[in-house]
Amino acid sequence: MRPDAAKDTCAQFLPDGKASASFSSNGITGIYGMGLSPRELEATVLAAGDMSAKEIAKAMQIAPGTVSKRLDDARFKLGAKTVLGLVVEAVRRGIIRV
């Protein structure tokens, strides 16, 4: 695959014209580089898709406790008290698109 084709395949263009890599699951897309670490973003996108911590752990190939840590860290960064609050705030900030 040509590098420019790979870039188009792996990136979405933001309003400022810059390309940003993304992670998608079940029609929900998270944009890397917008305040969450890559693993925090992936856990948040999967949680937005109504997956349990156990299901997220299996999908990410990590322990359920690690999922909880990633979601806790993401909640702290976005000032959310719950996972639902995390998802709402991530959507509001444009970090994830549903």
PDB file of N, CA and C in Angstrom:
ATOM      1  N   MET A   1       0.841  -1.170   0.000  1.00  0.00           N
ATOM      2  CA  MET A   1       0.000   0.000   0.000  1.00  0.00           C
ATOM      3  C   MET A   1       0.890   1.238   0.000  1.00  0.00           C
ATOM      4  N   ARG A   2       0.533   2.216  -0.816  1.00  0.00           N
ATOM      5  CA  ARG A   2       1.283   3.472  -0.860  1.00  0.00           C
ATOM      6  C   ARG A   2       1.149   4.197   0.486  1.00  0.00           C
ATOM      7  N   PRO A   3       2.187   4.910   0.931  1.00  0.00           N
ATOM      8  CA  PRO A   3       2.104   5.624   2.211  1.00  0.00           C
ATOM      9  C   PRO A   3       0.929   6.594   2.281  1.00  0.00           C
ATOM     10  N   ASP A   4       0.645   7.302   1.185  1.00  0.00           N
ATOM     11  CA  ASP A   4      -0.473   8.256   1.225  1.00  0.00           C
ATOM     12  C   ASP A   4      -1.812   7.534   1.320  1.00  0.00           C
ATOM     13  N   ALA A   5      -1.913   6.349   0.724  1.00  0.00           N
ATOM     14  CA  ALA A   5      -3.148   5.562   0.825  1.00  0.00           C
ATOM     15  C   ALA A   5      -3.319   5.041   2.246  1.00  0.00           C
ATOM     16  N   ALA A   6      -2.214   4.615   2.861  1.00  0.00           N
ATOM     17  CA  ALA A   6      -2.284   4.151   4.249  1.00  0.00           C
ATOM     18  C   ALA A   6      -2.699   5.292   5.163  1.00  0.00           C
ATOM     19  N   LYS A   7      -2.164   6.474   4.916  1.00  0.00           N
ATOM     20  CA  LYS A   7      -2.527   7.634   5.727  1.00  0.00           C
ATOM     21  C   LYS A   7      -4.017   7.917   5.613  1.00  0.00           C
ATOM     22  N   ASP A   8      -4.552   7.859   4.407  1.00  0.00           N
ATOM     23  CA  ASP A   8      -5.980   8.093   4.206  1.00  0.00           C
ATOM     24  C   ASP A   8      -6.819   7.009   4.865  1.00  0.00           C
ATOM     25  N   THR A   9      -6.321   5.778   4.858  1.00  0.00           N
ATOM     26  CA  THR A   9      -7.045   4.669   5.461  1.00  0.00           C
ATOM     27  C   THR A   9      -7.034   4.769   6.979  1.00  0.00           C
ATOM     28  N   CYS A  10      -5.937   5.180   7.566  1.00  0.00           N
ATOM     29  CA  CYS A  10      -5.775   5.177   9.021  1.00  0.00           C
ATOM     30  C   CYS A  10      -6.066   6.517   9.681  1.00  0.00           C
ATOM     31  N   ALA A  11      -6.430   7.520   8.915  1.00  0.00           N
ATOM     32  CA  ALA A  11      -6.614   8.849   9.492  1.00  0.00           C
ATOM     33  C   ALA A  11      -7.939   9.458   9.083  1.00  0.00           C
ATOM     34  N   GLN A  12      -8.412  10.332   9.933  1.00  0.00           N
ATOM     35  CA  GLN A  12      -9.574  11.143   9.620  1.00  0.00           C
ATOM     36  C   GLN A  12      -9.088  12.578   9.622  1.00  0.00           C
ATOM     37  N   PHE A  13      -9.694  13.411   8.778  1.00  0.00           N
ATOM     38  CA  PHE A  13      -9.264  14.794   8.716  1.00  0.00           C
ATOM     39  C   PHE A  13     -10.127  15.651   9.614  1.00  0.00           C
ATOM     40  N   LEU A  14      -9.480  16.423  10.453  1.00  0.00           N
ATOM     41  CA  LEU A  14     -10.148  17.302  11.389  1.00  0.00           C
ATOM     42  C   LEU A  14     -10.416  18.639  10.711  1.00  0.00           C
ATOM     43  N   PRO A  15     -11.265  19.499  11.299  1.00  0.00           N
ATOM     44  CA  PRO A  15     -11.595  20.780  10.673  1.00  0.00           C
ATOM     45  C   PRO A  15     -10.388  21.647  10.333  1.00  0.00           C
ATOM     46  N   ASP A  16      -9.299  21.533  11.089  1.00  0.00           N
ATOM     47  CA  ASP A  16      -8.117  22.353  10.804  1.00  0.00           C
ATOM     48  C   ASP A  16      -7.265  21.777   9.673  1.00  0.00           C
ATOM     49  N   GLY A  17      -7.721  20.669   9.074  1.00  0.00           N
ATOM     50  CA  GLY A  17      -7.022  20.082   7.940  1.00  0.00           C
ATOM     51  C   GLY A  17      -5.925  19.103   8.316  1.00  0.00           C
ATOM     52  N   LYS A  18      -5.666  18.928   9.589  1.00  0.00           N
ATOM     53  CA  LYS A  18      -4.632  17.997  10.027  1.00  0.00           C
ATOM     54  C   LYS A  18      -5.201  16.585  10.088  1.00  0.00           C
ATOM     55  N   ALA A  19      -4.366  15.618   9.778  1.00  0.00           N
ATOM     56  CA  ALA A  19      -4.787  14.223   9.866  1.00  0.00           C
ATOM     57  C   ALA A  19      -4.514  13.723  11.278  1.00  0.00           C
ATOM     58  N   SER A  20      -5.386  12.890  11.763  1.00  0.00           N
ATOM     59  CA  SER A  20      -5.208  12.313  13.090  1.00  0.00           C
ATOM     60  C   SER A  20      -5.615  10.851  13.048  1.00  0.00           C
ATOM     61  N   ALA A  21      -4.785  10.000  13.600  1.00  0.00           N
ATOM     62  CA  ALA A  21      -5.109   8.575  13.640  1.00  0.00           C
ATOM     63  C   ALA A  21      -6.294   8.356  14.563  1.00  0.00           C
ATOM     64  N   SER A  22      -7.031   7.305  14.282  1.00  0.00           N
ATOM     65  CA  SER A  22      -8.234   7.052  15.073  1.00  0.00           C
ATOM     66  C   SER A  22      -8.378   5.571  15.394  1.00  0.00           C
ATOM     67  N   PHE A  23      -9.252   5.294  16.358  1.00  0.00           N
ATOM     68  CA  PHE A  23      -9.603   3.937  16.766  1.00  0.00           C
ATOM     69  C   PHE A  23     -11.114   3.843  16.712  1.00  0.00           C
ATOM     70  N   SER A  24     -11.639   2.820  16.044  1.00  0.00           N
ATOM     71  CA  SER A  24     -13.088   2.671  15.919  1.00  0.00           C
ATOM     72  C   SER A  24     -13.543   1.297  16.374  1.00  0.00           C
ATOM     73  N   SER A  25     -14.738   1.272  16.966  1.00  0.00           N
ATOM     74  CA  SER A  25     -15.378   0.032  17.369  1.00  0.00           C
ATOM     75  C   SER A  25     -16.877   0.267  17.416  1.00  0.00           C
ATOM     76  N   ASN A  26     -17.634  -0.624  16.794  1.00  0.00           N
ATOM     77  CA  ASN A  26     -19.098  -0.555  16.810  1.00  0.00           C
ATOM     78  C   ASN A  26     -19.638   0.810  16.384  1.00  0.00           C
ATOM     79  N   GLY A  27     -19.028   1.412  15.386  1.00  0.00           N
ATOM     80  CA  GLY A  27     -19.507   2.690  14.869  1.00  0.00           C
ATOM     81  C   GLY A  27     -19.113   3.899  15.697  1.00  0.00           C
ATOM     82  N   ILE A  28     -18.290   3.705  16.713  1.00  0.00           N
ATOM     83  CA  ILE A  28     -17.822   4.800  17.561  1.00  0.00           C
ATOM     84  C   ILE A  28     -16.341   4.997  17.268  1.00  0.00           C
ATOM     85  N   THR A  29     -15.954   6.240  17.008  1.00  0.00           N
ATOM     86  CA  THR A  29     -14.577   6.540  16.640  1.00  0.00           C
ATOM     87  C   THR A  29     -13.947   7.453  17.677  1.00  0.00           C
ATOM     88  N   GLY A  30     -12.751   7.104  18.100  1.00  0.00           N
ATOM     89  CA  GLY A  30     -11.974   7.939  19.006  1.00  0.00           C
ATOM     90  C   GLY A  30     -10.755   8.473  18.280  1.00  0.00           C
ATOM     91  N   ILE A  31     -10.427   9.724  18.539  1.00  0.00           N
ATOM     92  CA  ILE A  31      -9.308  10.378  17.872  1.00  0.00           C
ATOM     93  C   ILE A  31      -8.119  10.431  18.832  1.00  0.00           C
ATOM     94  N   TYR A  32      -6.997   9.846  18.414  1.00  0.00           N
ATOM     95  CA  TYR A  32      -5.779   9.879  19.221  1.00  0.00           C
ATOM     96  C   TYR A  32      -5.228  11.302  19.295  1.00  0.00           C
ATOM     97  N   GLY A  33      -4.515  11.597  20.376  1.00  0.00           N
ATOM     98  CA  GLY A  33      -3.819  12.866  20.493  1.00  0.00           C
ATOM     99  C   GLY A  33      -4.689  14.022  20.939  1.00  0.00           C
ATOM    100  N   MET A  34      -5.812  13.740  21.581  1.00  0.00           N
ATOM    101  CA  MET A  34      -6.707  14.815  22.015  1.00  0.00           C
ATOM    102  C   MET A  34      -6.890  14.813  23.533  1.00  0.00           C
ATOM    103  N   GLY A  35      -5.861  14.392  24.262  1.00  0.00           N
ATOM    104  CA  GLY A  35      -5.899  14.498  25.710  1.00  0.00           C
ATOM    105  C   GLY A  35      -5.889  13.189  26.469  1.00  0.00           C
ATOM    106  N   LEU A  36      -6.228  12.089  25.806  1.00  0.00           N
ATOM    107  CA  LEU A  36      -6.188  10.782  26.460  1.00  0.00           C
ATOM    108  C   LEU A  36      -5.048   9.964  25.864  1.00  0.00           C
ATOM    109  N   SER A  37      -4.465   9.094  26.680  1.00  0.00           N
ATOM    110  CA  SER A  37      -3.444   8.188  26.147  1.00  0.00           C
ATOM    111  C   SER A  37      -4.124   7.226  25.174  1.00  0.00           C
ATOM    112  N   PRO A  38      -3.361   6.585  24.301  1.00  0.00           N
ATOM    113  CA  PRO A  38      -3.982   5.640  23.362  1.00  0.00           C
ATOM    114  C   PRO A  38      -4.816   4.563  24.048  1.00  0.00           C
ATOM    115  N   ARG A  39      -4.321   3.978  25.130  1.00  0.00           N
ATOM    116  CA  ARG A  39      -5.072   2.907  25.797  1.00  0.00           C
ATOM    117  C   ARG A  39      -6.282   3.461  26.553  1.00  0.00           C
ATOM    118  N   GLU A  40      -6.178   4.667  27.099  1.00  0.00           N
ATOM    119  CA  GLU A  40      -7.344   5.302  27.728  1.00  0.00           C
ATOM    120  C   GLU A  40      -8.423   5.558  26.686  1.00  0.00           C
ATOM    121  N   LEU A  41      -8.010   6.039  25.523  1.00  0.00           N
ATOM    122  CA  LEU A  41      -8.963   6.302  24.447  1.00  0.00           C
ATOM    123  C   LEU A  41      -9.642   5.014  24.003  1.00  0.00           C
ATOM    124  N   GLU A  42      -8.877   3.960  23.800  1.00  0.00           N
ATOM    125  CA  GLU A  42      -9.451   2.687  23.359  1.00  0.00           C
ATOM    126  C   GLU A  42     -10.458   2.161  24.380  1.00  0.00           C
ATOM    127  N   ALA A  43     -10.120   2.220  25.661  1.00  0.00           N
ATOM    128  CA  ALA A  43     -11.050   1.764  26.703  1.00  0.00           C
ATOM    129  C   ALA A  43     -12.308   2.627  26.718  1.00  0.00           C
ATOM    130  N   THR A  44     -12.154   3.924  26.519  1.00  0.00           N
ATOM    131  CA  THR A  44     -13.303   4.840  26.503  1.00  0.00           C
ATOM    132  C   THR A  44     -14.216   4.551  25.323  1.00  0.00           C
ATOM    133  N   VAL A  45     -13.646   4.326  24.154  1.00  0.00           N
ATOM    134  CA  VAL A  45     -14.449   4.000  22.967  1.00  0.00           C
ATOM    135  C   VAL A  45     -15.211   2.698  23.190  1.00  0.00           C
ATOM    136  N   LEU A  46     -14.550   1.703  23.727  1.00  0.00           N
ATOM    137  CA  LEU A  46     -15.214   0.422  23.972  1.00  0.00           C
ATOM    138  C   LEU A  46     -16.300   0.563  25.038  1.00  0.00           C
ATOM    139  N   ALA A  47     -16.055   1.362  26.067  1.00  0.00           N
ATOM    140  CA  ALA A  47     -17.077   1.612  27.091  1.00  0.00           C
ATOM    141  C   ALA A  47     -18.266   2.352  26.484  1.00  0.00           C
ATOM    142  N   ALA A  48     -17.997   3.259  25.560  1.00  0.00           N
ATOM    143  CA  ALA A  48     -19.080   3.984  24.882  1.00  0.00           C
ATOM    144  C   ALA A  48     -19.944   3.031  24.068  1.00  0.00           C
ATOM    145  N   GLY A  49     -19.366   1.907  23.666  1.00  0.00           N
ATOM    146  CA  GLY A  49     -20.102   0.882  22.940  1.00  0.00           C
ATOM    147  C   GLY A  49     -20.831  -0.081  23.859  1.00  0.00           C
ATOM    148  N   ASP A  50     -20.996   0.296  25.123  1.00  0.00           N
ATOM    149  CA  ASP A  50     -21.752  -0.471  26.121  1.00  0.00           C
ATOM    150  C   ASP A  50     -21.118  -1.821  26.438  1.00  0.00           C
ATOM    151  N   MET A  51     -19.785  -1.865  26.436  1.00  0.00           N
ATOM    152  CA  MET A  51     -19.079  -3.085  26.816  1.00  0.00           C
ATOM    153  C   MET A  51     -18.756  -3.042  28.302  1.00  0.00           C
ATOM    154  N   SER A  52     -18.808  -4.194  28.950  1.00  0.00           N
ATOM    155  CA  SER A  52     -18.428  -4.303  30.361  1.00  0.00           C
ATOM    156  C   SER A  52     -16.903  -4.270  30.473  1.00  0.00           C
ATOM    157  N   ALA A  53     -16.421  -4.067  31.692  1.00  0.00           N
ATOM    158  CA  ALA A  53     -14.970  -4.073  31.916  1.00  0.00           C
ATOM    159  C   ALA A  53     -14.363  -5.406  31.497  1.00  0.00           C
ATOM    160  N   LYS A  54     -15.073  -6.490  31.760  1.00  0.00           N
ATOM    161  CA  LYS A  54     -14.576  -7.817  31.376  1.00  0.00           C
ATOM    162  C   LYS A  54     -14.499  -7.938  29.852  1.00  0.00           C
ATOM    163  N   GLU A  55     -15.516  -7.442  29.148  1.00  0.00           N
ATOM    164  CA  GLU A  55     -15.512  -7.488  27.679  1.00  0.00           C
ATOM    165  C   GLU A  55     -14.418  -6.591  27.110  1.00  0.00           C
ATOM    166  N   ILE A  56     -14.246  -5.411  27.709  1.00  0.00           N
ATOM    167  CA  ILE A  56     -13.191  -4.498  27.265  1.00  0.00           C
ATOM    168  C   ILE A  56     -11.827  -5.151  27.482  1.00  0.00           C
ATOM    169  N   ALA A  57     -11.642  -5.785  28.634  1.00  0.00           N
ATOM    170  CA  ALA A  57     -10.376  -6.460  28.939  1.00  0.00           C
ATOM    171  C   ALA A  57     -10.053  -7.515  27.894  1.00  0.00           C
ATOM    172  N   LYS A  58     -11.054  -8.289  27.522  1.00  0.00           N
ATOM    173  CA  LYS A  58     -10.838  -9.327  26.510  1.00  0.00           C
ATOM    174  C   LYS A  58     -10.475  -8.698  25.166  1.00  0.00           C
ATOM    175  N   ALA A  59     -11.190  -7.642  24.780  1.00  0.00           N
ATOM    176  CA  ALA A  59     -10.928  -6.983  23.497  1.00  0.00           C
ATOM    177  C   ALA A  59      -9.541  -6.345  23.459  1.00  0.00           C
ATOM    178  N   MET A  60      -9.113  -5.773  24.587  1.00  0.00           N
ATOM    179  CA  MET A  60      -7.818  -5.091  24.648  1.00  0.00           C
ATOM    180  C   MET A  60      -6.685  -6.027  25.056  1.00  0.00           C
ATOM    181  N   GLN A  61      -7.021  -7.265  25.420  1.00  0.00           N
ATOM    182  CA  GLN A  61      -6.052  -8.265  25.864  1.00  0.00           C
ATOM    183  C   GLN A  61      -5.268  -7.786  27.084  1.00  0.00           C
ATOM    184  N   ILE A  62      -6.028  -7.257  28.064  1.00  0.00           N
ATOM    185  CA  ILE A  62      -5.453  -6.820  29.330  1.00  0.00           C
ATOM    186  C   ILE A  62      -6.358  -7.314  30.458  1.00  0.00           C
ATOM    187  N   ALA A  63      -5.915  -7.179  31.687  1.00  0.00           N
ATOM    188  CA  ALA A  63      -6.704  -7.601  32.850  1.00  0.00           C
ATOM    189  C   ALA A  63      -7.844  -6.612  33.116  1.00  0.00           C
ATOM    190  N   PRO A  64      -8.969  -7.085  33.642  1.00  0.00           N
ATOM    191  CA  PRO A  64     -10.078  -6.180  33.981  1.00  0.00           C
ATOM    192  C   PRO A  64      -9.663  -5.048  34.926  1.00  0.00           C
ATOM    193  N   GLY A  65      -8.745  -5.327  35.840  1.00  0.00           N
ATOM    194  CA  GLY A  65      -8.252  -4.274  36.732  1.00  0.00           C
ATOM    195  C   GLY A  65      -7.522  -3.178  35.979  1.00  0.00           C
ATOM    196  N   THR A  66      -6.823  -3.559  34.925  1.00  0.00           N
ATOM    197  CA  THR A  66      -6.129  -2.580  34.095  1.00  0.00           C
ATOM    198  C   THR A  66      -7.135  -1.727  33.334  1.00  0.00           C
ATOM    199  N   VAL A  67      -8.230  -2.329  32.894  1.00  0.00           N
ATOM    200  CA  VAL A  67      -9.301  -1.568  32.237  1.00  0.00           C
ATOM    201  C   VAL A  67      -9.824  -0.510  33.200  1.00  0.00           C
ATOM    202  N   SER A  68     -10.097  -0.919  34.428  1.00  0.00           N
ATOM    203  CA  SER A  68     -10.597   0.031  35.434  1.00  0.00           C
ATOM    204  C   SER A  68      -9.616   1.177  35.634  1.00  0.00           C
ATOM    205  N   LYS A  69      -8.331   0.867  35.665  1.00  0.00           N
ATOM    206  CA  LYS A  69      -7.297   1.901  35.828  1.00  0.00           C
ATOM    207  C   LYS A  69      -7.294   2.853  34.639  1.00  0.00           C
ATOM    208  N   ARG A  70      -7.370   2.318  33.425  1.00  0.00           N
ATOM    209  CA  ARG A  70      -7.387   3.171  32.227  1.00  0.00           C
ATOM    210  C   ARG A  70      -8.604   4.099  32.233  1.00  0.00           C
ATOM    211  N   LEU A  71      -9.775   3.546  32.589  1.00  0.00           N
ATOM    212  CA  LEU A  71     -10.991   4.363  32.632  1.00  0.00           C
ATOM    213  C   LEU A  71     -10.928   5.384  33.766  1.00  0.00           C
ATOM    214  N   ASP A  72     -10.370   5.004  34.912  1.00  0.00           N
ATOM    215  CA  ASP A  72     -10.201   5.952  36.021  1.00  0.00           C
ATOM    216  C   ASP A  72      -9.298   7.111  35.606  1.00  0.00           C
ATOM    217  N   ASP A  73      -8.190   6.790  34.941  1.00  0.00           N
ATOM    218  CA  ASP A  73      -7.265   7.831  34.489  1.00  0.00           C
ATOM    219  C   ASP A  73      -7.939   8.758  33.479  1.00  0.00           C
ATOM    220  N   ALA A  74      -8.711   8.189  32.560  1.00  0.00           N
ATOM    221  CA  ALA A  74      -9.424   8.995  31.564  1.00  0.00           C
ATOM    222  C   ALA A  74     -10.469   9.879  32.246  1.00  0.00           C
ATOM    223  N   ARG A  75     -11.195   9.322  33.214  1.00  0.00           N
ATOM    224  CA  ARG A  75     -12.196  10.104  33.946  1.00  0.00           C
ATOM    225  C   ARG A  75     -11.536  11.279  34.660  1.00  0.00           C
ATOM    226  N   PHE A  76     -10.404  11.036  35.295  1.00  0.00           N
ATOM    227  CA  PHE A  76      -9.677  12.099  35.987  1.00  0.00           C
ATOM    228  C   PHE A  76      -9.276  13.211  35.015  1.00  0.00           C
ATOM    229  N   LYS A  77      -8.718  12.824  33.874  1.00  0.00           N
ATOM    230  CA  LYS A  77      -8.265  13.810  32.891  1.00  0.00           C
ATOM    231  C   LYS A  77      -9.404  14.676  32.365  1.00  0.00           C
ATOM    232  N   LEU A  78     -10.590  14.084  32.228  1.00  0.00           N
ATOM    233  CA  LEU A  78     -11.724  14.831  31.671  1.00  0.00           C
ATOM    234  C   LEU A  78     -12.656  15.375  32.750  1.00  0.00           C
ATOM    235  N   GLY A  79     -12.341  15.114  34.006  1.00  0.00           N
ATOM    236  CA  GLY A  79     -13.144  15.642  35.101  1.00  0.00           C
ATOM    237  C   GLY A  79     -14.496  14.976  35.262  1.00  0.00           C
ATOM    238  N   ALA A  80     -14.576  13.696  34.930  1.00  0.00           N
ATOM    239  CA  ALA A  80     -15.838  12.956  35.017  1.00  0.00           C
ATOM    240  C   ALA A  80     -15.849  12.079  36.266  1.00  0.00           C
ATOM    241  N   LYS A  81     -17.040  11.899  36.838  1.00  0.00           N
ATOM    242  CA  LYS A  81     -17.179  11.065  38.032  1.00  0.00           C
ATOM    243  C   LYS A  81     -17.522   9.620  37.699  1.00  0.00           C
ATOM    244  N   THR A  82     -18.158   9.392  36.559  1.00  0.00           N
ATOM    245  CA  THR A  82     -18.608   8.051  36.172  1.00  0.00           C
ATOM    246  C   THR A  82     -18.148   7.748  34.754  1.00  0.00           C
ATOM    247  N   VAL A  83     -18.270   6.496  34.351  1.00  0.00           N
ATOM    248  CA  VAL A  83     -17.928   6.124  32.975  1.00  0.00           C
ATOM    249  C   VAL A  83     -18.897   6.802  32.007  1.00  0.00           C
ATOM    250  N   LEU A  84     -20.180   6.875  32.375  1.00  0.00           N
ATOM    251  CA  LEU A  84     -21.139   7.592  31.529  1.00  0.00           C
ATOM    252  C   LEU A  84     -20.721   9.050  31.375  1.00  0.00           C
ATOM    253  N   GLY A  85     -20.327   9.674  32.476  1.00  0.00           N
ATOM    254  CA  GLY A  85     -19.847  11.055  32.414  1.00  0.00           C
ATOM    255  C   GLY A  85     -18.612  11.188  31.541  1.00  0.00           C
ATOM    256  N   LEU A  86     -17.733  10.193  31.600  1.00  0.00           N
ATOM    257  CA  LEU A  86     -16.535  10.171  30.757  1.00  0.00           C
ATOM    258  C   LEU A  86     -16.916  10.162  29.285  1.00  0.00           C
ATOM    259  N   VAL A  87     -17.841   9.292  28.920  1.00  0.00           N
ATOM    260  CA  VAL A  87     -18.262   9.186  27.518  1.00  0.00           C
ATOM    261  C   VAL A  87     -18.908  10.492  27.064  1.00  0.00           C
ATOM    262  N   VAL A  88     -19.790  11.048  27.883  1.00  0.00           N
ATOM    263  CA  VAL A  88     -20.461  12.307  27.534  1.00  0.00           C
ATOM    264  C   VAL A  88     -19.434  13.419  27.332  1.00  0.00           C
ATOM    265  N   GLU A  89     -18.478  13.532  28.240  1.00  0.00           N
ATOM    266  CA  GLU A  89     -17.462  14.583  28.136  1.00  0.00           C
ATOM    267  C   GLU A  89     -16.547  14.361  26.932  1.00  0.00           C
ATOM    268  N   ALA A  90     -16.208  13.106  26.654  1.00  0.00           N
ATOM    269  CA  ALA A  90     -15.372  12.811  25.483  1.00  0.00           C
ATOM    270  C   ALA A  90     -16.097  13.189  24.195  1.00  0.00           C
ATOM    271  N   VAL A  91     -17.397  12.941  24.130  1.00  0.00           N
ATOM    272  CA  VAL A  91     -18.183  13.342  22.953  1.00  0.00           C
ATOM    273  C   VAL A  91     -18.231  14.866  22.873  1.00  0.00           C
ATOM    274  N   ARG A  92     -18.504  15.522  24.001  1.00  0.00           N
ATOM    275  CA  ARG A  92     -18.599  16.987  24.027  1.00  0.00           C
ATOM    276  C   ARG A  92     -17.312  17.643  23.531  1.00  0.00           C
ATOM    277  N   ARG A  93     -16.169  17.060  23.894  1.00  0.00           N
ATOM    278  CA  ARG A  93     -14.874  17.623  23.494  1.00  0.00           C
ATOM    279  C   ARG A  93     -14.424  17.175  22.106  1.00  0.00           C
ATOM    280  N   GLY A  94     -15.177  16.293  21.475  1.00  0.00           N
ATOM    281  CA  GLY A  94     -14.804  15.821  20.146  1.00  0.00           C
ATOM    282  C   GLY A  94     -13.735  14.745  20.154  1.00  0.00           C
ATOM    283  N   ILE A  95     -13.482  14.159  21.311  1.00  0.00           N
ATOM    284  CA  ILE A  95     -12.483  13.094  21.417  1.00  0.00           C
ATOM    285  C   ILE A  95     -13.030  11.810  20.822  1.00  0.00           C
ATOM    286  N   ILE A  96     -14.324  11.575  21.025  1.00  0.00           N
ATOM    287  CA  ILE A  96     -14.975  10.440  20.377  1.00  0.00           C
ATOM    288  C   ILE A  96     -16.193  10.929  19.613  1.00  0.00           C
ATOM    289  N   ARG A  97     -16.512  10.201  18.563  1.00  0.00           N
ATOM    290  CA  ARG A  97     -17.681  10.491  17.722  1.00  0.00           C
ATOM    291  C   ARG A  97     -18.559   9.255  17.701  1.00  0.00           C
ATOM    292  N   VAL A  98     -19.840   9.472  17.931  1.00  0.00           N
ATOM    293  CA  VAL A  98     -20.784   8.351  17.924  1.00  0.00           C
ATOM    294  C   VAL A  98     -21.698   8.446  16.725  1.00  0.00           C
TER     295      VAL A  98
END
